Amino acid sequence: METTALNILFSAAFLLLVVVSGGIIYLTAAEWRDRRRQAREKRAAKADTKKAATKAVTKRK
């Protein structure tokens, strides 16, 4: 009886450890993906601004 209860508690603890670790890995990966996307959008916006500025200078000449 005592061994069965300990086995259930250890199994539950291990399952919780796996679930929490999986959640942390998921959140870390999602944050990494979002940072990459934001950096890519920032570079694209910067390039668009640079193109617009070059185009404006070219039109003035």
Protein backbone atom coordinates (compact mmCIF):
# COMPACT_ATOMS: atom_id res chain seq x y z
CA MET A 1 0.00 0.00 0.00
CA GLU A 2 2.73 2.44 1.02
CA THR A 3 4.83 1.60 -2.03
CA THR A 4 1.88 2.14 -4.35
CA ALA A 5 1.18 5.55 -2.87
CA LEU A 6 4.84 6.57 -3.24
CA ASN A 7 4.88 5.34 -6.84
CA ILE A 8 1.81 7.41 -7.62
CA LEU A 9 3.32 10.50 -5.98
CA PHE A 10 6.63 10.07 -7.83
CA SER A 11 4.78 9.53 -11.11
CA ALA A 12 2.68 12.66 -10.54
CA ALA A 13 5.79 14.68 -9.66
CA PHE A 14 7.57 13.46 -12.79
CA LEU A 15 4.53 14.24 -14.94
CA LEU A 16 4.34 17.77 -13.51
CA LEU A 17 8.06 18.22 -14.14
CA VAL A 18 7.60 17.22 -17.79
CA VAL A 19 4.56 19.47 -18.26
CA VAL A 20 6.23 22.52 -16.68
CA SER A 21 9.46 21.94 -18.61
CA GLY A 22 7.51 21.61 -21.84
CA GLY A 23 5.68 24.85 -21.13
CA ILE A 24 8.93 26.69 -20.47
CA ILE A 25 10.45 25.34 -23.69
CA TYR A 26 7.35 26.38 -25.65
CA LEU A 27 7.33 29.91 -24.21
CA THR A 28 11.06 30.33 -24.85
CA ALA A 29 10.69 29.19 -28.46
CA ALA A 30 7.70 31.48 -29.00
CA GLU A 31 9.59 34.48 -27.60
CA TRP A 32 12.62 33.68 -29.80
CA ARG A 33 10.38 33.41 -32.88
CA ASP A 34 8.68 36.73 -32.06
CA ARG A 35 12.03 38.51 -31.60
CA ARG A 36 13.20 37.20 -34.98
CA ARG A 37 9.97 38.36 -36.64
CA GLN A 38 10.20 41.81 -35.06
CA ALA A 39 13.84 42.18 -36.10
CA ARG A 40 12.97 41.14 -39.67
CA GLU A 41 10.10 43.65 -39.80
CA LYS A 42 12.34 46.38 -38.39
CA ARG A 43 15.00 45.69 -41.05
CA ALA A 44 12.33 45.72 -43.78
CA ALA A 45 10.90 49.03 -42.53
CA LYS A 46 14.39 50.51 -42.39
CA ALA A 47 15.08 49.37 -45.96
CA ASP A 48 11.75 50.83 -47.14
CA THR A 49 12.56 54.15 -45.47
CA LYS A 50 15.98 54.18 -47.10
CA LYS A 51 14.44 53.45 -50.53
CA ALA A 52 11.89 56.23 -50.09
CA ALA A 53 14.61 58.70 -49.08
CA THR A 54 16.75 57.74 -52.09
CA LYS A 55 13.77 58.06 -54.39
CA ALA A 56 12.94 61.53 -53.02
CA VAL A 57 16.51 62.73 -53.53
CA THR A 58 16.56 61.33 -57.07
CA LYS A 59 13.30 63.15 -57.93
CA ARG A 60 14.72 66.48 -56.77
CA LYS A 61 17.60 66.32 -59.24
